[in-house]
C-alpha cells in the first residue's frame, strides 16, 4: 500500500478588483512601500506567492497560494494592521458596495493549470 502523502495541498487563488483609473499611480506607489507588519501578517496567516497585476484601465488581478485560503482571508480580517491597510486602500477601488477590498474581491475559477 503506498504511503499517504502528508504534504498539504496548496490552493491557487486568483481574484479581481477595479482600481479607480485616476488613482492608478498612487495605488502603485503605495504597493512599493507595503508596511513590514502587513507583510508579516500576510505570511503568518498563510498567504504565499502573492502577486498583484494592474492594467491601465484599473483592472487588478491578484494571485496567491495557501494551504487554506479561507483561513488565510479570515486570519487577515482579525489583524489590526489589516484593518488599517484596508481602510486606507478602500478609496482606491470601485464597486466595493461598502466592503473592504479584501472582502470585495471576486474569486476566479481555475480552469487550467500546468506545473
PDB file of N, CA and C in Angstrom:
ATOM      1  N   UNK A   1       0.848  -1.170   0.000  1.00  0.00           N
ATOM      2  CA  UNK A   1       0.000   0.000   0.000  1.00  0.00           C
ATOM      3  C   UNK A   1       0.897   1.238   0.000  1.00  0.00           C
ATOM      4  N   UNK A   2       0.672   2.193  -0.911  1.00  0.00           N
ATOM      5  CA  UNK A   2       1.514   3.388  -0.962  1.00  0.00           C
ATOM      6  C   UNK A   2       1.326   4.248   0.286  1.00  0.00           C
ATOM      7  N   UNK A   3       2.400   4.915   0.675  1.00  0.00           N
ATOM      8  CA  UNK A   3       2.341   5.806   1.834  1.00  0.00           C
ATOM      9  C   UNK A   3       1.462   7.007   1.505  1.00  0.00           C
ATOM     10  N   UNK A   4       0.717   7.454   2.485  1.00  0.00           N
ATOM     11  CA  UNK A   4      -0.129   8.636   2.299  1.00  0.00           C
ATOM     12  C   UNK A   4       0.760   9.863   2.144  1.00  0.00           C
ATOM     13  N   UNK A   5       0.366  10.732   1.250  1.00  0.00           N
ATOM     14  CA  UNK A   5       1.108  11.971   1.038  1.00  0.00           C
ATOM     15  C   UNK A   5       0.748  12.939   2.158  1.00  0.00           C
ATOM     16  N   UNK A   6       1.724  13.306   2.969  1.00  0.00           N
ATOM     17  CA  UNK A   6       1.471  14.211   4.089  1.00  0.00           C
ATOM     18  C   UNK A   6       1.697  15.675   3.721  1.00  0.00           C
ATOM     19  N   UNK A   7       2.048  15.935   2.465  1.00  0.00           N
ATOM     20  CA  UNK A   7       2.256  17.305   2.022  1.00  0.00           C
ATOM     21  C   UNK A   7       0.907  18.006   1.919  1.00  0.00           C
ATOM     22  N   UNK A   8       0.744  19.157   2.604  1.00  0.00           N
ATOM     23  CA  UNK A   8      -0.538  19.848   2.499  1.00  0.00           C
ATOM     24  C   UNK A   8      -0.763  20.363   1.081  1.00  0.00           C
ATOM     25  N   UNK A   9      -2.000  20.281   0.632  1.00  0.00           N
ATOM     26  CA  UNK A   9      -2.341  20.770  -0.705  1.00  0.00           C
ATOM     27  C   UNK A   9      -2.247  22.290  -0.713  1.00  0.00           C
ATOM     28  N   UNK A  10      -1.664  22.818  -1.753  1.00  0.00           N
ATOM     29  CA  UNK A  10      -1.610  24.261  -1.934  1.00  0.00           C
ATOM     30  C   UNK A  10      -2.705  24.662  -2.909  1.00  0.00           C
ATOM     31  N   UNK A  11      -3.539  25.593  -2.489  1.00  0.00           N
ATOM     32  CA  UNK A  11      -4.603  26.113  -3.340  1.00  0.00           C
ATOM     33  C   UNK A  11      -4.109  27.393  -4.010  1.00  0.00           C
ATOM     34  N   UNK A  12      -4.426  27.546  -5.265  1.00  0.00           N
ATOM     35  CA  UNK A  12      -4.099  28.748  -6.017  1.00  0.00           C
ATOM     36  C   UNK A  12      -5.371  29.586  -6.120  1.00  0.00           C
ATOM     37  N   UNK A  13      -5.287  30.836  -5.691  1.00  0.00           N
ATOM     38  CA  UNK A  13      -6.441  31.726  -5.689  1.00  0.00           C
ATOM     39  C   UNK A  13      -6.133  32.919  -6.589  1.00  0.00           C
ATOM     40  N   UNK A  14      -7.057  33.195  -7.495  1.00  0.00           N
ATOM     41  CA  UNK A  14      -6.948  34.366  -8.362  1.00  0.00           C
ATOM     42  C   UNK A  14      -8.212  35.192  -8.158  1.00  0.00           C
ATOM     43  N   UNK A  15      -8.045  36.495  -8.103  1.00  0.00           N
ATOM     44  CA  UNK A  15      -9.202  37.369  -7.878  1.00  0.00           C
ATOM     45  C   UNK A  15      -9.032  38.669  -8.655  1.00  0.00           C
ATOM     46  N   UNK A  16     -10.145  39.378  -8.816  1.00  0.00           N
ATOM     47  CA  UNK A  16     -10.111  40.670  -9.499  1.00  0.00           C
ATOM     48  C   UNK A  16     -10.781  41.738  -8.644  1.00  0.00           C
ATOM     49  N   UNK A  17     -10.290  42.937  -8.813  1.00  0.00           N
ATOM     50  CA  UNK A  17     -10.857  44.162  -8.264  1.00  0.00           C
ATOM     51  C   UNK A  17     -10.674  45.238  -9.326  1.00  0.00           C
ATOM     52  N   UNK A  18     -11.264  46.406  -9.100  1.00  0.00           N
ATOM     53  CA  UNK A  18     -11.098  47.511 -10.045  1.00  0.00           C
ATOM     54  C   UNK A  18     -10.599  48.745  -9.301  1.00  0.00           C
ATOM     55  N   UNK A  19      -9.410  49.204  -9.687  1.00  0.00           N
ATOM     56  CA  UNK A  19      -8.820  50.418  -9.125  1.00  0.00           C
ATOM     57  C   UNK A  19      -9.336  51.602  -9.935  1.00  0.00           C
ATOM     58  N   UNK A  20      -9.651  52.673  -9.243  1.00  0.00           N
ATOM     59  CA  UNK A  20     -10.109  53.889  -9.935  1.00  0.00           C
ATOM     60  C   UNK A  20      -8.986  54.355 -10.875  1.00  0.00           C
ATOM     61  N   UNK A  21      -9.295  54.531 -12.153  1.00  0.00           N
ATOM     62  CA  UNK A  21      -8.245  54.893 -13.119  1.00  0.00           C
ATOM     63  C   UNK A  21      -7.454  56.142 -12.738  1.00  0.00           C
ATOM     64  N   UNK A  22      -8.105  57.110 -12.101  1.00  0.00           N
ATOM     65  CA  UNK A  22      -7.406  58.338 -11.725  1.00  0.00           C
ATOM     66  C   UNK A  22      -6.469  58.138 -10.530  1.00  0.00           C
ATOM     67  N   UNK A  23      -6.500  56.954  -9.915  1.00  0.00           N
ATOM     68  CA  UNK A  23      -5.668  56.702  -8.736  1.00  0.00           C
ATOM     69  C   UNK A  23      -4.625  55.612  -8.962  1.00  0.00           C
ATOM     70  N   UNK A  24      -4.422  55.225 -10.216  1.00  0.00           N
ATOM     71  CA  UNK A  24      -3.506  54.120 -10.512  1.00  0.00           C
ATOM     72  C   UNK A  24      -2.087  54.376 -10.014  1.00  0.00           C
ATOM     73  N   UNK A  25      -1.559  55.551 -10.284  1.00  0.00           N
ATOM     74  CA  UNK A  25      -0.170  55.833  -9.898  1.00  0.00           C
ATOM     75  C   UNK A  25      -0.009  55.840  -8.382  1.00  0.00           C
ATOM     76  N   UNK A  26      -0.978  56.422  -7.675  1.00  0.00           N
ATOM     77  CA  UNK A  26      -0.938  56.402  -6.210  1.00  0.00           C
ATOM     78  C   UNK A  26      -0.986  54.969  -5.687  1.00  0.00           C
ATOM     79  N   UNK A  27      -1.859  54.166  -6.284  1.00  0.00           N
ATOM     80  CA  UNK A  27      -2.016  52.776  -5.855  1.00  0.00           C
ATOM     81  C   UNK A  27      -0.696  52.014  -6.027  1.00  0.00           C
ATOM     82  N   UNK A  28      -0.063  52.201  -7.174  1.00  0.00           N
ATOM     83  CA  UNK A  28       1.221  51.529  -7.410  1.00  0.00           C
ATOM     84  C   UNK A  28       2.276  52.008  -6.414  1.00  0.00           C
ATOM     85  N   UNK A  29       2.295  53.298  -6.142  1.00  0.00           N
ATOM     86  CA  UNK A  29       3.266  53.848  -5.191  1.00  0.00           C
ATOM     87  C   UNK A  29       3.060  53.257  -3.799  1.00  0.00           C
ATOM     88  N   UNK A  30       1.813  53.124  -3.378  1.00  0.00           N
ATOM     89  CA  UNK A  30       1.530  52.546  -2.054  1.00  0.00           C
ATOM     90  C   UNK A  30       2.042  51.113  -1.956  1.00  0.00           C
ATOM     91  N   UNK A  31       1.983  50.387  -3.048  1.00  0.00           N
ATOM     92  CA  UNK A  31       2.411  48.989  -3.018  1.00  0.00           C
ATOM     93  C   UNK A  31       3.923  48.822  -3.189  1.00  0.00           C
ATOM     94  N   UNK A  32       4.621  49.900  -3.480  1.00  0.00           N
ATOM     95  CA  UNK A  32       6.086  49.840  -3.460  1.00  0.00           C
ATOM     96  C   UNK A  32       6.598  49.926  -2.020  1.00  0.00           C
ATOM     97  N   UNK A  33       5.725  50.345  -1.103  1.00  0.00           N
ATOM     98  CA  UNK A  33       6.127  50.534   0.290  1.00  0.00           C
ATOM     99  C   UNK A  33       5.103  49.924   1.244  1.00  0.00           C
ATOM    100  N   UNK A  34       4.770  48.659   1.028  1.00  0.00           N
ATOM    101  CA  UNK A  34       3.841  47.976   1.939  1.00  0.00           C
ATOM    102  C   UNK A  34       4.510  47.865   3.305  1.00  0.00           C
ATOM    103  N   UNK A  35       3.740  48.144   4.345  1.00  0.00           N
ATOM    104  CA  UNK A  35       4.271  48.124   5.707  1.00  0.00           C
ATOM    105  C   UNK A  35       4.841  46.752   6.049  1.00  0.00           C
ATOM    106  N   UNK A  36       5.998  46.700   6.689  1.00  0.00           N
ATOM    107  CA  UNK A  36       6.577  45.406   7.079  1.00  0.00           C
ATOM    108  C   UNK A  36       5.641  44.563   7.949  1.00  0.00           C
ATOM    109  N   UNK A  37       4.878  45.202   8.860  1.00  0.00           N
ATOM    110  CA  UNK A  37       3.972  44.414   9.702  1.00  0.00           C
ATOM    111  C   UNK A  37       2.790  43.865   8.909  1.00  0.00           C
ATOM    112  N   UNK A  38       2.432  44.520   7.810  1.00  0.00           N
ATOM    113  CA  UNK A  38       1.391  43.984   6.925  1.00  0.00           C
ATOM    114  C   UNK A  38       1.935  42.757   6.188  1.00  0.00           C
ATOM    115  N   UNK A  39       3.154  42.850   5.699  1.00  0.00           N
ATOM    116  CA  UNK A  39       3.774  41.703   5.024  1.00  0.00           C
ATOM    117  C   UNK A  39       3.903  40.519   5.979  1.00  0.00           C
ATOM    118  N   UNK A  40       4.303  40.789   7.216  1.00  0.00           N
ATOM    119  CA  UNK A  40       4.408  39.718   8.217  1.00  0.00           C
ATOM    120  C   UNK A  40       3.052  39.079   8.482  1.00  0.00           C
ATOM    121  N   UNK A  41       2.014  39.895   8.587  1.00  0.00           N
ATOM    122  CA  UNK A  41       0.667  39.370   8.848  1.00  0.00           C
ATOM    123  C   UNK A  41       0.204  38.479   7.701  1.00  0.00           C
ATOM    124  N   UNK A  42       0.463  38.890   6.470  1.00  0.00           N
ATOM    125  CA  UNK A  42       0.088  38.058   5.321  1.00  0.00           C
ATOM    126  C   UNK A  42       0.790  36.706   5.391  1.00  0.00           C
ATOM    127  N   UNK A  43       2.091  36.730   5.622  1.00  0.00           N
ATOM    128  CA  UNK A  43       2.838  35.468   5.720  1.00  0.00           C
ATOM    129  C   UNK A  43       2.323  34.603   6.869  1.00  0.00           C
ATOM    130  N   UNK A  44       2.116  35.234   8.018  1.00  0.00           N
ATOM    131  CA  UNK A  44       1.705  34.492   9.218  1.00  0.00           C
ATOM    132  C   UNK A  44       0.325  33.856   9.081  1.00  0.00           C
ATOM    133  N   UNK A  45      -0.537  34.432   8.251  1.00  0.00           N
ATOM    134  CA  UNK A  45      -1.894  33.899   8.101  1.00  0.00           C
ATOM    135  C   UNK A  45      -2.029  32.964   6.903  1.00  0.00           C
ATOM    136  N   UNK A  46      -0.915  32.706   6.203  1.00  0.00           N
ATOM    137  CA  UNK A  46      -0.952  31.686   5.160  1.00  0.00           C
ATOM    138  C   UNK A  46      -1.013  32.174   3.731  1.00  0.00           C
ATOM    139  N   UNK A  47      -0.708  33.448   3.494  1.00  0.00           N
ATOM    140  CA  UNK A  47      -0.646  33.974   2.124  1.00  0.00           C
ATOM    141  C   UNK A  47       0.782  33.755   1.615  1.00  0.00           C
ATOM    142  N   UNK A  48       0.915  33.053   0.506  1.00  0.00           N
ATOM    143  CA  UNK A  48       2.233  32.783  -0.075  1.00  0.00           C
ATOM    144  C   UNK A  48       2.188  33.061  -1.578  1.00  0.00           C
ATOM    145  N   UNK A  49       3.350  33.399  -2.126  1.00  0.00           N
ATOM    146  CA  UNK A  49       3.467  33.635  -3.566  1.00  0.00           C
ATOM    147  C   UNK A  49       2.379  34.606  -4.035  1.00  0.00           C
ATOM    148  N   UNK A  50       2.230  35.701  -3.296  1.00  0.00           N
ATOM    149  CA  UNK A  50       1.160  36.676  -3.525  1.00  0.00           C
ATOM    150  C   UNK A  50       1.645  37.732  -4.509  1.00  0.00           C
ATOM    151  N   UNK A  51       0.862  37.962  -5.561  1.00  0.00           N
ATOM    152  CA  UNK A  51       1.193  38.958  -6.582  1.00  0.00           C
ATOM    153  C   UNK A  51      -0.052  39.736  -6.966  1.00  0.00           C
ATOM    154  N   UNK A  52       0.163  40.982  -7.382  1.00  0.00           N
ATOM    155  CA  UNK A  52      -0.902  41.815  -7.938  1.00  0.00           C
ATOM    156  C   UNK A  52      -0.457  42.293  -9.311  1.00  0.00           C
ATOM    157  N   UNK A  53      -1.393  42.294 -10.255  1.00  0.00           N
ATOM    158  CA  UNK A  53      -1.135  42.743 -11.619  1.00  0.00           C
ATOM    159  C   UNK A  53      -2.183  43.798 -11.952  1.00  0.00           C
ATOM    160  N   UNK A  54      -1.758  44.917 -12.527  1.00  0.00           N
ATOM    161  CA  UNK A  54      -2.654  46.039 -12.768  1.00  0.00           C
ATOM    162  C   UNK A  54      -2.634  46.446 -14.234  1.00  0.00           C
ATOM    163  N   UNK A  55      -3.817  46.558 -14.796  1.00  0.00           N
ATOM    164  CA  UNK A  55      -3.965  47.006 -16.177  1.00  0.00           C
ATOM    165  C   UNK A  55      -4.238  48.507 -16.183  1.00  0.00           C
ATOM    166  N   UNK A  56      -3.961  49.176 -17.303  1.00  0.00           N
ATOM    167  CA  UNK A  56      -4.114  50.627 -17.409  1.00  0.00           C
ATOM    168  C   UNK A  56      -5.538  51.118 -17.172  1.00  0.00           C
ATOM    169  N   UNK A  57      -6.529  50.270 -17.397  1.00  0.00           N
ATOM    170  CA  UNK A  57      -7.924  50.682 -17.172  1.00  0.00           C
ATOM    171  C   UNK A  57      -8.378  50.435 -15.736  1.00  0.00           C
ATOM    172  N   UNK A  58      -7.468  49.961 -14.876  1.00  0.00           N
ATOM    173  CA  UNK A  58      -7.787  49.763 -13.471  1.00  0.00           C
ATOM    174  C   UNK A  58      -8.098  48.335 -13.075  1.00  0.00           C
ATOM    175  N   UNK A  59      -8.159  47.426 -14.041  1.00  0.00           N
ATOM    176  CA  UNK A  59      -8.400  46.031 -13.687  1.00  0.00           C
ATOM    177  C   UNK A  59      -7.208  45.512 -12.890  1.00  0.00           C
ATOM    178  N   UNK A  60      -7.473  45.035 -11.685  1.00  0.00           N
ATOM    179  CA  UNK A  60      -6.442  44.495 -10.813  1.00  0.00           C
ATOM    180  C   UNK A  60      -6.679  43.000 -10.672  1.00  0.00           C
ATOM    181  N   UNK A  61      -5.663  42.221 -10.979  1.00  0.00           N
ATOM    182  CA  UNK A  61      -5.731  40.775 -10.835  1.00  0.00           C
ATOM    183  C   UNK A  61      -4.761  40.387  -9.728  1.00  0.00           C
ATOM    184  N   UNK A  62      -5.277  39.680  -8.742  1.00  0.00           N
ATOM    185  CA  UNK A  62      -4.456  39.211  -7.634  1.00  0.00           C
ATOM    186  C   UNK A  62      -4.329  37.706  -7.673  1.00  0.00           C
ATOM    187  N   UNK A  63      -3.218  37.209  -7.167  1.00  0.00           N
ATOM    188  CA  UNK A  63      -2.966  35.773  -7.121  1.00  0.00           C
ATOM    189  C   UNK A  63      -2.207  35.472  -5.842  1.00  0.00           C
ATOM    190  N   UNK A  64      -2.641  34.422  -5.139  1.00  0.00           N
ATOM    191  CA  UNK A  64      -1.860  33.931  -4.009  1.00  0.00           C
ATOM    192  C   UNK A  64      -2.077  32.441  -3.849  1.00  0.00           C
ATOM    193  N   UNK A  65      -1.181  31.834  -3.105  1.00  0.00           N
ATOM    194  CA  UNK A  65      -1.271  30.411  -2.809  1.00  0.00           C
ATOM    195  C   UNK A  65      -1.378  30.248  -1.300  1.00  0.00           C
ATOM    196  N   UNK A  66      -2.139  29.228  -0.889  1.00  0.00           N
ATOM    197  CA  UNK A  66      -2.319  28.977   0.535  1.00  0.00           C
ATOM    198  C   UNK A  66      -2.810  27.556   0.747  1.00  0.00           C
ATOM    199  N   UNK A  67      -2.385  26.916   1.837  1.00  0.00           N
ATOM    200  CA  UNK A  67      -2.940  25.597   2.147  1.00  0.00           C
ATOM    201  C   UNK A  67      -4.418  25.691   2.533  1.00  0.00           C
ATOM    202  N   UNK A  68      -4.865  26.848   3.027  1.00  0.00           N
ATOM    203  CA  UNK A  68      -6.263  27.053   3.410  1.00  0.00           C
ATOM    204  C   UNK A  68      -6.639  28.504   3.122  1.00  0.00           C
ATOM    205  N   UNK A  69      -7.070  28.799   1.889  1.00  0.00           N
ATOM    206  CA  UNK A  69      -7.340  30.188   1.509  1.00  0.00           C
ATOM    207  C   UNK A  69      -8.403  30.870   2.366  1.00  0.00           C
ATOM    208  N   UNK A  70      -9.443  30.137   2.746  1.00  0.00           N
ATOM    209  CA  UNK A  70     -10.482  30.753   3.574  1.00  0.00           C
ATOM    210  C   UNK A  70      -9.922  31.157   4.933  1.00  0.00           C
ATOM    211  N   UNK A  71      -9.087  30.309   5.510  1.00  0.00           N
ATOM    212  CA  UNK A  71      -8.449  30.639   6.789  1.00  0.00           C
ATOM    213  C   UNK A  71      -7.470  31.798   6.619  1.00  0.00           C
ATOM    214  N   UNK A  72      -6.794  31.871   5.477  1.00  0.00           N
ATOM    215  CA  UNK A  72      -5.855  32.967   5.220  1.00  0.00           C
ATOM    216  C   UNK A  72      -6.592  34.302   5.167  1.00  0.00           C
ATOM    217  N   UNK A  73      -7.713  34.337   4.447  1.00  0.00           N
ATOM    218  CA  UNK A  73      -8.508  35.568   4.347  1.00  0.00           C
ATOM    219  C   UNK A  73      -9.093  35.918   5.712  1.00  0.00           C
ATOM    220  N   UNK A  74      -9.669  34.939   6.376  1.00  0.00           N
ATOM    221  CA  UNK A  74     -10.265  35.158   7.694  1.00  0.00           C
ATOM    222  C   UNK A  74      -9.216  35.611   8.707  1.00  0.00           C
ATOM    223  N   UNK A  75      -8.047  35.006   8.648  1.00  0.00           N
ATOM    224  CA  UNK A  75      -6.981  35.380   9.569  1.00  0.00           C
ATOM    225  C   UNK A  75      -6.585  36.834   9.431  1.00  0.00           C
ATOM    226  N   UNK A  76      -6.547  37.326   8.206  1.00  0.00           N
ATOM    227  CA  UNK A  76      -6.206  38.731   7.991  1.00  0.00           C
ATOM    228  C   UNK A  76      -7.295  39.655   8.517  1.00  0.00           C
ATOM    229  N   UNK A  77      -8.534  39.224   8.461  1.00  0.00           N
ATOM    230  CA  UNK A  77      -9.632  40.070   8.936  1.00  0.00           C
ATOM    231  C   UNK A  77      -9.579  40.286  10.444  1.00  0.00           C
ATOM    232  N   UNK A  78      -8.786  39.489  11.145  1.00  0.00           N
ATOM    233  CA  UNK A  78      -8.635  39.643  12.590  1.00  0.00           C
ATOM    234  C   UNK A  78      -7.354  40.384  12.979  1.00  0.00           C
ATOM    235  N   UNK A  79      -6.631  40.891  11.995  1.00  0.00           N
ATOM    236  CA  UNK A  79      -5.379  41.602  12.269  1.00  0.00           C
ATOM    237  C   UNK A  79      -5.613  43.112  12.229  1.00  0.00           C
ATOM    238  N   UNK A  80      -5.164  43.796  13.259  1.00  0.00           N
ATOM    239  CA  UNK A  80      -5.335  45.246  13.338  1.00  0.00           C
ATOM    240  C   UNK A  80      -4.621  45.955  12.185  1.00  0.00           C
ATOM    241  N   UNK A  81      -3.449  45.479  11.813  1.00  0.00           N
ATOM    242  CA  UNK A  81      -2.712  46.106  10.717  1.00  0.00           C
ATOM    243  C   UNK A  81      -3.505  46.010   9.417  1.00  0.00           C
ATOM    244  N   UNK A  82      -4.215  44.917   9.221  1.00  0.00           N
ATOM    245  CA  UNK A  82      -5.024  44.765   8.019  1.00  0.00           C
ATOM    246  C   UNK A  82      -6.200  45.735   8.025  1.00  0.00           C
ATOM    247  N   UNK A  83      -6.817  45.945   9.179  1.00  0.00           N
ATOM    248  CA  UNK A  83      -7.924  46.906   9.264  1.00  0.00           C
ATOM    249  C   UNK A  83      -7.444  48.295   8.845  1.00  0.00           C
ATOM    250  N   UNK A  84      -6.259  48.684   9.313  1.00  0.00           N
ATOM    251  CA  UNK A  84      -5.702  49.989   8.923  1.00  0.00           C
ATOM    252  C   UNK A  84      -5.400  50.041   7.432  1.00  0.00           C
ATOM    253  N   UNK A  85      -4.767  48.975   6.906  1.00  0.00           N
ATOM    254  CA  UNK A  85      -4.409  48.935   5.487  1.00  0.00           C
ATOM    255  C   UNK A  85      -5.662  48.980   4.614  1.00  0.00           C
ATOM    256  N   UNK A  86      -6.654  48.166   4.932  1.00  0.00           N
ATOM    257  CA  UNK A  86      -7.868  48.116   4.120  1.00  0.00           C
ATOM    258  C   UNK A  86      -8.609  49.449   4.142  1.00  0.00           C
ATOM    259  N   UNK A  87      -8.638  50.116   5.285  1.00  0.00           N
ATOM    260  CA  UNK A  87      -9.288  51.427   5.375  1.00  0.00           C
ATOM    261  C   UNK A  87      -8.588  52.438   4.472  1.00  0.00           C
ATOM    262  N   UNK A  88      -7.267  52.357   4.396  1.00  0.00           N
ATOM    263  CA  UNK A  88      -6.529  53.282   3.535  1.00  0.00           C
ATOM    264  C   UNK A  88      -6.645  52.910   2.059  1.00  0.00           C
ATOM    265  N   UNK A  89      -6.816  51.633   1.757  1.00  0.00           N
ATOM    266  CA  UNK A  89      -6.903  51.183   0.367  1.00  0.00           C
ATOM    267  C   UNK A  89      -8.303  51.337  -0.228  1.00  0.00           C
ATOM    268  N   UNK A  90      -9.338  51.291   0.588  1.00  0.00           N
ATOM    269  CA  UNK A  90     -10.719  51.296   0.084  1.00  0.00           C
ATOM    270  C   UNK A  90     -11.005  52.428  -0.906  1.00  0.00           C
ATOM    271  N   UNK A  91     -10.545  53.658  -0.683  1.00  0.00           N
ATOM    272  CA  UNK A  91     -10.856  54.729  -1.634  1.00  0.00           C
ATOM    273  C   UNK A  91     -10.257  54.536  -3.034  1.00  0.00           C
ATOM    274  N   UNK A  92      -9.325  53.627  -3.175  1.00  0.00           N
ATOM    275  CA  UNK A  92      -8.710  53.383  -4.480  1.00  0.00           C
ATOM    276  C   UNK A  92      -9.589  52.528  -5.390  1.00  0.00           C
ATOM    277  N   UNK A  93     -10.589  51.867  -4.825  1.00  0.00           N
ATOM    278  CA  UNK A  93     -11.356  50.868  -5.574  1.00  0.00           C
ATOM    279  C   UNK A  93     -12.764  51.327  -5.909  1.00  0.00           C
ATOM    280  N   UNK A  94     -13.300  50.762  -6.995  1.00  0.00           N
ATOM    281  CA  UNK A  94     -14.697  50.960  -7.367  1.00  0.00           C
ATOM    282  C   UNK A  94     -15.479  49.699  -7.012  1.00  0.00           C
ATOM    283  N   UNK A  95     -16.778  49.838  -6.912  1.00  0.00           N
ATOM    284  CA  UNK A  95     -17.717  48.711  -6.794  1.00  0.00           C
ATOM    285  C   UNK A  95     -17.446  47.781  -5.617  1.00  0.00           C
ATOM    286  N   UNK A  96     -17.142  48.347  -4.462  1.00  0.00           N
ATOM    287  CA  UNK A  96     -16.946  47.507  -3.278  1.00  0.00           C
ATOM    288  C   UNK A  96     -18.244  47.318  -2.490  1.00  0.00           C
ATOM    289  N   UNK A  97     -19.245  48.119  -2.777  1.00  0.00           N
ATOM    290  CA  UNK A  97     -20.542  48.020  -2.097  1.00  0.00           C
ATOM    291  C   UNK A  97     -20.400  48.036  -0.579  1.00  0.00           C
ATOM    292  N   UNK A  98     -19.564  48.929  -0.068  1.00  0.00           N
ATOM    293  CA  UNK A  98     -19.397  49.075   1.367  1.00  0.00           C
ATOM    294  C   UNK A  98     -18.465  48.077   2.019  1.00  0.00           C
ATOM    295  N   UNK A  99     -17.896  47.178   1.245  1.00  0.00           N
ATOM    296  CA  UNK A  99     -16.980  46.174   1.794  1.00  0.00           C
ATOM    297  C   UNK A  99     -15.549  46.691   1.733  1.00  0.00           C
ATOM    298  N   UNK A 100     -14.684  46.091   2.547  1.00  0.00           N
ATOM    299  CA  UNK A 100     -13.253  46.349   2.420  1.00  0.00           C
ATOM    300  C   UNK A 100     -12.747  45.642   1.168  1.00  0.00           C
ATOM    301  N   UNK A 101     -11.632  46.108   0.596  1.00  0.00           N
ATOM    302  CA  UNK A 101     -11.110  45.449  -0.606  1.00  0.00           C
ATOM    303  C   UNK A 101     -10.885  43.950  -0.435  1.00  0.00           C
ATOM    304  N   UNK A 102     -10.423  43.527   0.745  1.00  0.00           N
ATOM    305  CA  UNK A 102     -10.162  42.097   0.931  1.00  0.00           C
ATOM    306  C   UNK A 102     -11.440  41.279   1.121  1.00  0.00           C
ATOM    307  N   UNK A 103     -12.578  41.950   1.243  1.00  0.00           N
ATOM    308  CA  UNK A 103     -13.869  41.262   1.317  1.00  0.00           C
ATOM    309  C   UNK A 103     -14.626  41.370   0.000  1.00  0.00           C
ATOM    310  N   UNK A 104     -14.240  42.336  -0.828  1.00  0.00           N
ATOM    311  CA  UNK A 104     -14.995  42.623  -2.040  1.00  0.00           C
ATOM    312  C   UNK A 104     -14.407  42.067  -3.315  1.00  0.00           C
ATOM    313  N   UNK A 105     -13.304  41.319  -3.211  1.00  0.00           N
ATOM    314  CA  UNK A 105     -12.737  40.811  -4.455  1.00  0.00           C
ATOM    315  C   UNK A 105     -13.520  39.609  -4.959  1.00  0.00           C
ATOM    316  N   UNK A 106     -13.534  39.477  -6.266  1.00  0.00           N
ATOM    317  CA  UNK A 106     -14.248  38.394  -6.935  1.00  0.00           C
ATOM    318  C   UNK A 106     -13.250  37.297  -7.277  1.00  0.00           C
ATOM    319  N   UNK A 107     -13.439  36.124  -6.683  1.00  0.00           N
ATOM    320  CA  UNK A 107     -12.554  34.994  -6.990  1.00  0.00           C
ATOM    321  C   UNK A 107     -12.888  34.432  -8.362  1.00  0.00           C
ATOM    322  N   UNK A 108     -11.838  34.049  -9.068  1.00  0.00           N
ATOM    323  CA  UNK A 108     -11.987  33.444 -10.388  1.00  0.00           C
ATOM    324  C   UNK A 108     -11.811  31.936 -10.285  1.00  0.00           C
ATOM    325  N   UNK A 109     -12.505  31.230 -11.137  1.00  0.00           N
ATOM    326  CA  UNK A 109     -12.399  29.774 -11.181  1.00  0.00           C
ATOM    327  C   UNK A 109     -11.166  29.374 -11.978  1.00  0.00           C
ATOM    328  N   UNK A 110     -10.369  28.491 -11.427  1.00  0.00           N
ATOM    329  CA  UNK A 110      -9.225  27.961 -12.167  1.00  0.00           C
ATOM    330  C   UNK A 110      -9.736  26.908 -13.142  1.00  0.00           C
ATOM    331  N   UNK A 111      -9.437  27.096 -14.413  1.00  0.00           N
ATOM    332  CA  UNK A 111      -9.899  26.143 -15.428  1.00  0.00           C
ATOM    333  C   UNK A 111      -8.755  25.368 -16.068  1.00  0.00           C
ATOM    334  N   UNK A 112      -7.516  25.766 -15.777  1.00  0.00           N
ATOM    335  CA  UNK A 112      -6.364  25.046 -16.321  1.00  0.00           C
ATOM    336  C   UNK A 112      -5.152  25.363 -15.467  1.00  0.00           C
ATOM    337  N   UNK A 113      -4.285  24.382 -15.322  1.00  0.00           N
ATOM    338  CA  UNK A 113      -3.018  24.581 -14.617  1.00  0.00           C
ATOM    339  C   UNK A 113      -1.982  23.621 -15.190  1.00  0.00           C
ATOM    340  N   UNK A 114      -0.779  24.112 -15.385  1.00  0.00           N
ATOM    341  CA  UNK A 114       0.348  23.292 -15.823  1.00  0.00           C
ATOM    342  C   UNK A 114       1.489  23.534 -14.853  1.00  0.00           C
ATOM    343  N   UNK A 115       1.987  22.472 -14.234  1.00  0.00           N
ATOM    344  CA  UNK A 115       3.170  22.592 -13.374  1.00  0.00           C
ATOM    345  C   UNK A 115       4.408  22.585 -14.225  1.00  0.00           C
TER     346      UNK A 115
END
